[in-house]
Amino acid sequence: MTSPAAIRDSILTLLNTTGFAVLATESDGQPHTSLIAITPLDEGQRLVFATYRSTRKFTNVMQNQRVSLLVDGRCREGSSGALAGFILSAVGRVKEINAATQPQLLHAHLQKHPDLEAFTQAPDCVLLEVVVQAYQVVRGIDDVTWWSADDLKLNSL
């Protein structure tokens, strides 16, 4: 069995090296997915991203803050081309960040994604964060585990 510390380290390594996730939202029973650039904060307890207010994803999260994110951490290994690594899903709730009162969050996001500076300066752009409640780690068809975000905090290990 893998320890919570090892899982937390694997999750953080993936979030810090990949930087992108597929965001799943819902409105009136209709699912919607979007590729977003994410920045993990507080040991993966929060995931920050930016979007335009005029997008379907923003409209959806304002109506229903519950979301899921998927990060593909698999890669081809060796001459066999077999997939190694894991797929990570995060479930949580989205809330808007006031970039004027929390400029350090925008700064952290731009440190990870400097190519998004012009995008984040647009008047219609908004900074959002997913407060993660749990992570699902999928290493194989029969190797799926759920981890509470609280259980993976450094001070709880």
N, C-alpha and C. Protein backbone atom coordinates (compact mmCIF):
# COMPACT_ATOMS: atom_id res chain seq x y z
N MET A 1 0.85 -1.19 0.00
CA MET A 1 0.00 0.00 0.00
C MET A 1 0.88 1.25 0.00
N THR A 2 0.51 2.23 -0.75
CA THR A 2 1.27 3.46 -0.86
C THR A 2 0.88 4.41 0.27
N SER A 3 1.87 5.06 0.85
CA SER A 3 1.61 5.95 1.98
C SER A 3 1.00 7.27 1.50
N PRO A 4 0.25 7.94 2.39
CA PRO A 4 -0.28 9.26 2.03
C PRO A 4 0.83 10.25 1.62
N ALA A 5 1.99 10.18 2.25
CA ALA A 5 3.08 11.09 1.91
C ALA A 5 3.56 10.84 0.48
N ALA A 6 3.68 9.57 0.10
CA ALA A 6 4.12 9.24 -1.26
C ALA A 6 3.06 9.67 -2.29
N ILE A 7 1.80 9.46 -1.96
CA ILE A 7 0.71 9.88 -2.86
C ILE A 7 0.72 11.39 -3.01
N ARG A 8 0.83 12.12 -1.89
CA ARG A 8 0.87 13.59 -1.93
C ARG A 8 2.02 14.05 -2.81
N ASP A 9 3.20 13.46 -2.64
CA ASP A 9 4.36 13.85 -3.44
C ASP A 9 4.14 13.56 -4.92
N SER A 10 3.53 12.43 -5.23
CA SER A 10 3.23 12.09 -6.63
C SER A 10 2.23 13.07 -7.23
N ILE A 11 1.20 13.41 -6.47
CA ILE A 11 0.19 14.36 -6.94
C ILE A 11 0.83 15.72 -7.19
N LEU A 12 1.62 16.20 -6.24
CA LEU A 12 2.24 17.52 -6.39
C LEU A 12 3.23 17.54 -7.54
N THR A 13 3.99 16.47 -7.70
CA THR A 13 4.93 16.41 -8.82
C THR A 13 4.18 16.48 -10.15
N LEU A 14 3.10 15.72 -10.26
CA LEU A 14 2.31 15.76 -11.50
C LEU A 14 1.72 17.14 -11.74
N LEU A 15 1.10 17.74 -10.72
CA LEU A 15 0.49 19.05 -10.88
C LEU A 15 1.52 20.12 -11.24
N ASN A 16 2.71 20.02 -10.66
CA ASN A 16 3.74 21.02 -10.92
C ASN A 16 4.43 20.84 -12.27
N THR A 17 4.49 19.61 -12.77
CA THR A 17 5.18 19.38 -14.04
C THR A 17 4.25 19.42 -15.23
N THR A 18 3.00 19.03 -15.05
CA THR A 18 2.06 19.00 -16.17
C THR A 18 1.50 20.39 -16.43
N GLY A 19 0.87 20.97 -15.43
CA GLY A 19 0.38 22.33 -15.55
C GLY A 19 -0.96 22.52 -16.25
N PHE A 20 -1.52 21.44 -16.78
CA PHE A 20 -2.79 21.56 -17.49
C PHE A 20 -3.76 20.48 -17.01
N ALA A 21 -5.04 20.79 -17.10
CA ALA A 21 -6.07 19.84 -16.71
C ALA A 21 -7.29 20.04 -17.59
N VAL A 22 -8.12 19.03 -17.64
CA VAL A 22 -9.43 19.14 -18.28
C VAL A 22 -10.43 19.42 -17.16
N LEU A 23 -11.12 20.54 -17.27
CA LEU A 23 -12.12 20.95 -16.30
C LEU A 23 -13.48 20.49 -16.77
N ALA A 24 -14.21 19.78 -15.90
CA ALA A 24 -15.57 19.36 -16.21
C ALA A 24 -16.54 20.18 -15.38
N THR A 25 -17.48 20.83 -16.07
CA THR A 25 -18.53 21.61 -15.41
C THR A 25 -19.87 21.08 -15.89
N GLU A 26 -20.94 21.62 -15.30
CA GLU A 26 -22.28 21.18 -15.66
C GLU A 26 -23.24 22.34 -15.48
N SER A 27 -24.24 22.39 -16.36
CA SER A 27 -25.31 23.37 -16.23
C SER A 27 -26.59 22.78 -16.81
N ASP A 28 -27.63 22.75 -16.02
CA ASP A 28 -28.93 22.22 -16.44
C ASP A 28 -28.81 20.82 -17.02
N GLY A 29 -27.96 19.99 -16.41
CA GLY A 29 -27.81 18.61 -16.85
C GLY A 29 -26.89 18.42 -18.04
N GLN A 30 -26.35 19.50 -18.58
CA GLN A 30 -25.48 19.40 -19.75
C GLN A 30 -24.01 19.51 -19.31
N PRO A 31 -23.20 18.46 -19.48
CA PRO A 31 -21.78 18.54 -19.12
C PRO A 31 -21.00 19.36 -20.14
N HIS A 32 -19.87 19.91 -19.68
CA HIS A 32 -19.00 20.70 -20.55
C HIS A 32 -17.57 20.51 -20.06
N THR A 33 -16.63 20.32 -20.97
CA THR A 33 -15.22 20.19 -20.60
C THR A 33 -14.39 21.25 -21.29
N SER A 34 -13.31 21.65 -20.61
CA SER A 34 -12.41 22.68 -21.14
C SER A 34 -10.99 22.36 -20.69
N LEU A 35 -10.03 22.60 -21.56
CA LEU A 35 -8.63 22.50 -21.18
C LEU A 35 -8.22 23.80 -20.52
N ILE A 36 -7.63 23.71 -19.31
CA ILE A 36 -7.22 24.91 -18.59
C ILE A 36 -5.78 24.76 -18.09
N ALA A 37 -5.12 25.89 -17.92
CA ALA A 37 -3.79 25.94 -17.31
C ALA A 37 -3.99 26.12 -15.81
N ILE A 38 -3.40 25.23 -15.01
CA ILE A 38 -3.61 25.26 -13.56
C ILE A 38 -2.31 25.53 -12.82
N THR A 39 -2.46 26.13 -11.65
CA THR A 39 -1.35 26.33 -10.73
C THR A 39 -1.76 25.79 -9.38
N PRO A 40 -1.04 24.78 -8.88
CA PRO A 40 -1.38 24.24 -7.56
C PRO A 40 -0.85 25.15 -6.45
N LEU A 41 -1.63 25.30 -5.40
CA LEU A 41 -1.24 26.09 -4.22
C LEU A 41 -1.54 25.28 -2.96
N ASP A 42 -0.86 25.62 -1.88
CA ASP A 42 -1.13 24.99 -0.58
C ASP A 42 -1.11 23.47 -0.65
N GLU A 43 -0.01 22.93 -1.15
CA GLU A 43 0.16 21.48 -1.25
C GLU A 43 -0.95 20.80 -2.03
N GLY A 44 -1.42 21.49 -3.08
CA GLY A 44 -2.47 20.92 -3.92
C GLY A 44 -3.87 21.05 -3.35
N GLN A 45 -4.01 21.79 -2.28
CA GLN A 45 -5.33 21.99 -1.69
C GLN A 45 -6.19 22.91 -2.55
N ARG A 46 -5.52 23.77 -3.33
CA ARG A 46 -6.21 24.70 -4.22
C ARG A 46 -5.54 24.67 -5.58
N LEU A 47 -6.34 24.82 -6.63
CA LEU A 47 -5.84 24.87 -8.00
C LEU A 47 -6.39 26.13 -8.65
N VAL A 48 -5.49 27.00 -9.09
CA VAL A 48 -5.87 28.29 -9.65
C VAL A 48 -5.86 28.20 -11.17
N PHE A 49 -6.84 28.87 -11.80
CA PHE A 49 -6.86 28.99 -13.26
C PHE A 49 -7.54 30.30 -13.64
N ALA A 50 -7.36 30.70 -14.89
CA ALA A 50 -7.96 31.93 -15.40
C ALA A 50 -8.86 31.60 -16.58
N THR A 51 -9.88 32.42 -16.74
CA THR A 51 -10.78 32.28 -17.89
C THR A 51 -11.46 33.61 -18.15
N TYR A 52 -12.10 33.71 -19.27
CA TYR A 52 -12.91 34.88 -19.57
C TYR A 52 -14.29 34.71 -18.93
N ARG A 53 -14.88 35.81 -18.50
CA ARG A 53 -16.23 35.78 -17.94
C ARG A 53 -17.27 35.38 -18.99
N SER A 54 -16.95 35.60 -20.24
CA SER A 54 -17.90 35.32 -21.33
C SER A 54 -17.92 33.85 -21.76
N THR A 55 -17.17 32.99 -21.08
CA THR A 55 -17.10 31.58 -21.50
C THR A 55 -18.20 30.75 -20.86
N ARG A 56 -18.46 29.63 -21.49
CA ARG A 56 -19.42 28.67 -20.93
C ARG A 56 -18.93 28.13 -19.60
N LYS A 57 -17.61 27.89 -19.47
CA LYS A 57 -17.11 27.35 -18.20
C LYS A 57 -17.37 28.32 -17.05
N PHE A 58 -17.18 29.61 -17.28
CA PHE A 58 -17.44 30.59 -16.22
C PHE A 58 -18.93 30.63 -15.86
N THR A 59 -19.78 30.67 -16.87
CA THR A 59 -21.22 30.66 -16.63
C THR A 59 -21.62 29.41 -15.83
N ASN A 60 -21.08 28.27 -16.24
CA ASN A 60 -21.40 27.02 -15.55
C ASN A 60 -20.96 27.03 -14.09
N VAL A 61 -19.73 27.48 -13.81
CA VAL A 61 -19.26 27.43 -12.42
C VAL A 61 -19.95 28.47 -11.53
N MET A 62 -20.50 29.51 -12.14
CA MET A 62 -21.26 30.46 -11.35
C MET A 62 -22.63 29.88 -10.97
N GLN A 63 -23.14 28.99 -11.80
CA GLN A 63 -24.42 28.33 -11.50
C GLN A 63 -24.24 27.10 -10.61
N ASN A 64 -23.13 26.39 -10.77
CA ASN A 64 -22.86 25.17 -10.03
C ASN A 64 -21.36 25.11 -9.76
N GLN A 65 -20.96 25.39 -8.54
CA GLN A 65 -19.54 25.49 -8.20
C GLN A 65 -18.83 24.13 -8.14
N ARG A 66 -19.58 23.04 -8.16
CA ARG A 66 -18.97 21.71 -8.09
C ARG A 66 -18.35 21.35 -9.43
N VAL A 67 -17.06 20.98 -9.41
CA VAL A 67 -16.35 20.64 -10.63
C VAL A 67 -15.46 19.43 -10.41
N SER A 68 -14.97 18.91 -11.52
CA SER A 68 -13.96 17.87 -11.51
C SER A 68 -12.89 18.26 -12.52
N LEU A 69 -11.65 17.95 -12.19
CA LEU A 69 -10.53 18.19 -13.10
C LEU A 69 -9.80 16.88 -13.33
N LEU A 70 -9.34 16.67 -14.54
CA LEU A 70 -8.58 15.47 -14.87
C LEU A 70 -7.21 15.87 -15.40
N VAL A 71 -6.17 15.24 -14.85
CA VAL A 71 -4.79 15.47 -15.29
C VAL A 71 -4.22 14.12 -15.72
N ASP A 72 -3.74 14.06 -16.95
CA ASP A 72 -3.17 12.82 -17.48
C ASP A 72 -1.68 12.80 -17.18
N GLY A 73 -1.28 11.92 -16.29
CA GLY A 73 0.13 11.80 -15.91
C GLY A 73 0.78 10.57 -16.50
N ARG A 74 0.19 10.02 -17.54
CA ARG A 74 0.77 8.82 -18.15
C ARG A 74 1.78 9.22 -19.22
N CYS A 75 2.75 8.33 -19.43
CA CYS A 75 3.72 8.53 -20.51
C CYS A 75 4.13 7.16 -21.04
N ARG A 76 4.60 7.14 -22.25
CA ARG A 76 5.08 5.89 -22.86
C ARG A 76 6.48 5.61 -22.34
N GLU A 77 6.72 4.34 -21.99
CA GLU A 77 8.01 3.96 -21.44
C GLU A 77 8.67 2.89 -22.29
N GLY A 78 9.97 3.06 -22.49
CA GLY A 78 10.77 2.03 -23.13
C GLY A 78 10.35 1.66 -24.53
N SER A 79 10.95 0.59 -25.02
CA SER A 79 10.71 0.15 -26.39
C SER A 79 9.33 -0.47 -26.57
N SER A 80 8.74 -0.95 -25.47
CA SER A 80 7.41 -1.55 -25.58
C SER A 80 6.32 -0.51 -25.79
N GLY A 81 6.59 0.71 -25.39
CA GLY A 81 5.59 1.76 -25.53
C GLY A 81 4.47 1.66 -24.52
N ALA A 82 4.66 0.83 -23.48
CA ALA A 82 3.63 0.68 -22.45
C ALA A 82 3.46 2.00 -21.69
N LEU A 83 2.23 2.24 -21.26
CA LEU A 83 1.95 3.45 -20.50
C LEU A 83 2.34 3.26 -19.04
N ALA A 84 3.01 4.26 -18.50
CA ALA A 84 3.38 4.26 -17.08
C ALA A 84 2.89 5.57 -16.48
N GLY A 85 2.76 5.60 -15.17
CA GLY A 85 2.30 6.81 -14.50
C GLY A 85 0.87 6.63 -14.01
N PHE A 86 0.16 7.72 -13.89
CA PHE A 86 -1.21 7.64 -13.39
C PHE A 86 -2.05 8.80 -13.89
N ILE A 87 -3.35 8.63 -13.77
CA ILE A 87 -4.30 9.68 -14.09
C ILE A 87 -4.85 10.20 -12.77
N LEU A 88 -4.98 11.50 -12.69
CA LEU A 88 -5.42 12.15 -11.47
C LEU A 88 -6.70 12.92 -11.72
N SER A 89 -7.68 12.72 -10.88
CA SER A 89 -8.89 13.54 -10.90
C SER A 89 -8.99 14.28 -9.58
N ALA A 90 -9.39 15.52 -9.65
CA ALA A 90 -9.63 16.31 -8.44
C ALA A 90 -11.09 16.72 -8.46
N VAL A 91 -11.75 16.63 -7.32
CA VAL A 91 -13.11 17.13 -7.21
C VAL A 91 -13.13 18.21 -6.15
N GLY A 92 -13.92 19.24 -6.41
CA GLY A 92 -13.98 20.34 -5.45
C GLY A 92 -14.97 21.39 -5.88
N ARG A 93 -14.81 22.56 -5.30
CA ARG A 93 -15.71 23.69 -5.57
C ARG A 93 -14.89 24.88 -6.04
N VAL A 94 -15.46 25.60 -7.00
CA VAL A 94 -14.80 26.78 -7.57
C VAL A 94 -15.28 28.04 -6.86
N LYS A 95 -14.34 28.95 -6.67
CA LYS A 95 -14.72 30.29 -6.21
C LYS A 95 -13.86 31.31 -6.93
N GLU A 96 -14.41 32.51 -7.07
CA GLU A 96 -13.70 33.59 -7.74
C GLU A 96 -12.67 34.20 -6.80
N ILE A 97 -11.53 34.56 -7.36
CA ILE A 97 -10.47 35.22 -6.61
C ILE A 97 -10.47 36.70 -6.96
N ASN A 98 -10.40 37.53 -5.96
CA ASN A 98 -10.27 38.96 -6.19
C ASN A 98 -8.78 39.25 -6.37
N ALA A 99 -8.36 39.38 -7.63
CA ALA A 99 -6.93 39.58 -7.93
C ALA A 99 -6.40 40.88 -7.37
N ALA A 100 -7.28 41.86 -7.16
CA ALA A 100 -6.82 43.14 -6.60
C ALA A 100 -6.43 42.99 -5.12
N THR A 101 -7.16 42.13 -4.39
CA THR A 101 -6.83 41.95 -2.97
C THR A 101 -5.90 40.76 -2.73
N GLN A 102 -5.75 39.90 -3.74
CA GLN A 102 -4.86 38.75 -3.62
C GLN A 102 -3.93 38.66 -4.83
N PRO A 103 -3.12 39.70 -5.05
CA PRO A 103 -2.26 39.71 -6.25
C PRO A 103 -1.22 38.59 -6.25
N GLN A 104 -0.91 38.04 -5.08
CA GLN A 104 0.08 36.96 -5.01
C GLN A 104 -0.41 35.71 -5.74
N LEU A 105 -1.71 35.52 -5.81
CA LEU A 105 -2.24 34.35 -6.52
C LEU A 105 -2.08 34.50 -8.03
N LEU A 106 -2.35 35.69 -8.53
CA LEU A 106 -2.12 35.95 -9.95
C LEU A 106 -0.62 35.85 -10.26
N HIS A 107 0.21 36.37 -9.38
CA HIS A 107 1.66 36.29 -9.57
C HIS A 107 2.11 34.83 -9.63
N ALA A 108 1.62 33.99 -8.73
CA ALA A 108 1.99 32.57 -8.72
C ALA A 108 1.55 31.90 -10.02
N HIS A 109 0.35 32.24 -10.48
CA HIS A 109 -0.15 31.65 -11.72
C HIS A 109 0.71 32.07 -12.92
N LEU A 110 1.11 33.33 -12.94
CA LEU A 110 1.94 33.81 -14.05
C LEU A 110 3.38 33.31 -13.95
N GLN A 111 3.85 33.00 -12.76
CA GLN A 111 5.18 32.39 -12.62
C GLN A 111 5.18 31.02 -13.30
N LYS A 112 4.10 30.28 -13.14
CA LYS A 112 4.00 28.95 -13.74
C LYS A 112 3.65 29.02 -15.23
N HIS A 113 2.84 30.02 -15.60
CA HIS A 113 2.37 30.16 -16.98
C HIS A 113 2.63 31.58 -17.49
N PRO A 114 3.89 31.96 -17.70
CA PRO A 114 4.20 33.34 -18.10
C PRO A 114 3.59 33.73 -19.44
N ASP A 115 3.30 32.75 -20.29
CA ASP A 115 2.70 33.04 -21.59
C ASP A 115 1.25 33.52 -21.48
N LEU A 116 0.67 33.46 -20.29
CA LEU A 116 -0.72 33.89 -20.10
C LEU A 116 -0.85 35.33 -19.59
N GLU A 117 0.25 36.07 -19.55
CA GLU A 117 0.20 37.41 -18.98
C GLU A 117 -0.79 38.32 -19.72
N ALA A 118 -0.71 38.38 -21.04
CA ALA A 118 -1.63 39.24 -21.79
C ALA A 118 -3.08 38.77 -21.59
N PHE A 119 -3.29 37.49 -21.59
CA PHE A 119 -4.62 36.91 -21.37
C PHE A 119 -5.19 37.36 -20.02
N THR A 120 -4.38 37.27 -18.96
CA THR A 120 -4.88 37.61 -17.62
C THR A 120 -5.09 39.11 -17.42
N GLN A 121 -4.51 39.92 -18.30
CA GLN A 121 -4.69 41.37 -18.20
C GLN A 121 -5.95 41.86 -18.92
N ALA A 122 -6.59 40.99 -19.68
CA ALA A 122 -7.80 41.37 -20.41
C ALA A 122 -8.90 41.74 -19.42
N PRO A 123 -9.69 42.76 -19.72
CA PRO A 123 -10.74 43.20 -18.79
C PRO A 123 -11.77 42.12 -18.47
N ASP A 124 -12.00 41.18 -19.39
CA ASP A 124 -12.98 40.11 -19.19
C ASP A 124 -12.41 38.90 -18.46
N CYS A 125 -11.09 38.88 -18.20
CA CYS A 125 -10.46 37.72 -17.58
C CYS A 125 -10.68 37.72 -16.07
N VAL A 126 -10.91 36.55 -15.53
CA VAL A 126 -11.14 36.39 -14.09
C VAL A 126 -10.27 35.23 -13.60
N LEU A 127 -9.79 35.36 -12.37
CA LEU A 127 -9.00 34.31 -11.73
C LEU A 127 -9.93 33.50 -10.83
N LEU A 128 -9.87 32.19 -10.96
CA LEU A 128 -10.71 31.29 -10.17
C LEU A 128 -9.83 30.27 -9.47
N GLU A 129 -10.37 29.70 -8.40
CA GLU A 129 -9.65 28.62 -7.74
C GLU A 129 -10.60 27.48 -7.43
N VAL A 130 -10.09 26.28 -7.56
CA VAL A 130 -10.82 25.09 -7.15
C VAL A 130 -10.29 24.73 -5.77
N VAL A 131 -11.17 24.70 -4.79
CA VAL A 131 -10.82 24.22 -3.46
C VAL A 131 -11.05 22.70 -3.52
N VAL A 132 -9.95 21.96 -3.51
CA VAL A 132 -10.01 20.51 -3.72
C VAL A 132 -10.53 19.81 -2.47
N GLN A 133 -11.50 18.94 -2.67
CA GLN A 133 -12.03 18.14 -1.57
C GLN A 133 -11.41 16.75 -1.56
N ALA A 134 -11.14 16.20 -2.75
CA ALA A 134 -10.56 14.85 -2.83
C ALA A 134 -9.86 14.67 -4.17
N TYR A 135 -8.93 13.72 -4.16
CA TYR A 135 -8.23 13.31 -5.38
C TYR A 135 -8.49 11.83 -5.61
N GLN A 136 -8.69 11.48 -6.87
CA GLN A 136 -8.77 10.09 -7.27
C GLN A 136 -7.49 9.79 -8.06
N VAL A 137 -6.76 8.77 -7.64
CA VAL A 137 -5.53 8.36 -8.31
C VAL A 137 -5.80 7.04 -9.02
N VAL A 138 -5.62 7.03 -10.35
CA VAL A 138 -5.87 5.84 -11.15
C VAL A 138 -4.56 5.39 -11.76
N ARG A 139 -4.06 4.25 -11.28
CA ARG A 139 -2.81 3.68 -11.79
C ARG A 139 -3.08 2.54 -12.76
N GLY A 140 -4.30 2.03 -12.76
CA GLY A 140 -4.67 0.93 -13.65
C GLY A 140 -6.14 0.62 -13.47
N ILE A 141 -6.64 -0.29 -14.28
CA ILE A 141 -8.06 -0.60 -14.26
C ILE A 141 -8.53 -1.08 -12.90
N ASP A 142 -7.68 -1.79 -12.18
CA ASP A 142 -8.03 -2.30 -10.86
C ASP A 142 -7.25 -1.62 -9.75
N ASP A 143 -6.68 -0.48 -10.04
CA ASP A 143 -5.86 0.24 -9.04
C ASP A 143 -6.32 1.69 -8.97
N VAL A 144 -7.43 1.90 -8.26
CA VAL A 144 -8.04 3.21 -8.14
C VAL A 144 -8.21 3.52 -6.65
N THR A 145 -7.68 4.66 -6.21
CA THR A 145 -7.82 5.05 -4.81
C THR A 145 -8.30 6.49 -4.71
N TRP A 146 -9.04 6.76 -3.65
CA TRP A 146 -9.51 8.12 -3.35
C TRP A 146 -8.76 8.61 -2.13
N TRP A 147 -8.38 9.89 -2.17
CA TRP A 147 -7.66 10.52 -1.06
C TRP A 147 -8.31 11.85 -0.74
N SER A 148 -8.71 12.03 0.49
CA SER A 148 -9.23 13.32 0.94
C SER A 148 -8.11 14.34 0.87
N ALA A 149 -8.42 15.54 0.42
CA ALA A 149 -7.40 16.59 0.36
C ALA A 149 -6.85 16.87 1.76
N ASP A 150 -7.70 16.81 2.77
CA ASP A 150 -7.24 17.03 4.15
C ASP A 150 -6.25 15.96 4.59
N ASP A 151 -6.47 14.72 4.17
CA ASP A 151 -5.56 13.63 4.55
C ASP A 151 -4.18 13.76 3.92
N LEU A 152 -4.09 14.54 2.84
CA LEU A 152 -2.82 14.69 2.14
C LEU A 152 -2.05 15.95 2.55
N LYS A 153 -2.59 16.73 3.49
CA LYS A 153 -1.87 17.91 3.96
C LYS A 153 -0.59 17.46 4.66
N LEU A 154 0.47 18.23 4.46
CA LEU A 154 1.77 17.88 5.03
C LEU A 154 1.69 17.73 6.53
N ASN A 155 0.98 18.63 7.22
CA ASN A 155 0.95 18.59 8.68
C ASN A 155 0.07 17.46 9.22
N SER A 156 -0.70 16.76 8.36
CA SER A 156 -1.53 15.66 8.85
C SER A 156 -0.84 14.31 8.62
N LEU A 157 0.30 14.32 7.92
CA LEU A 157 0.98 13.04 7.61
C LEU A 157 1.87 12.60 8.74
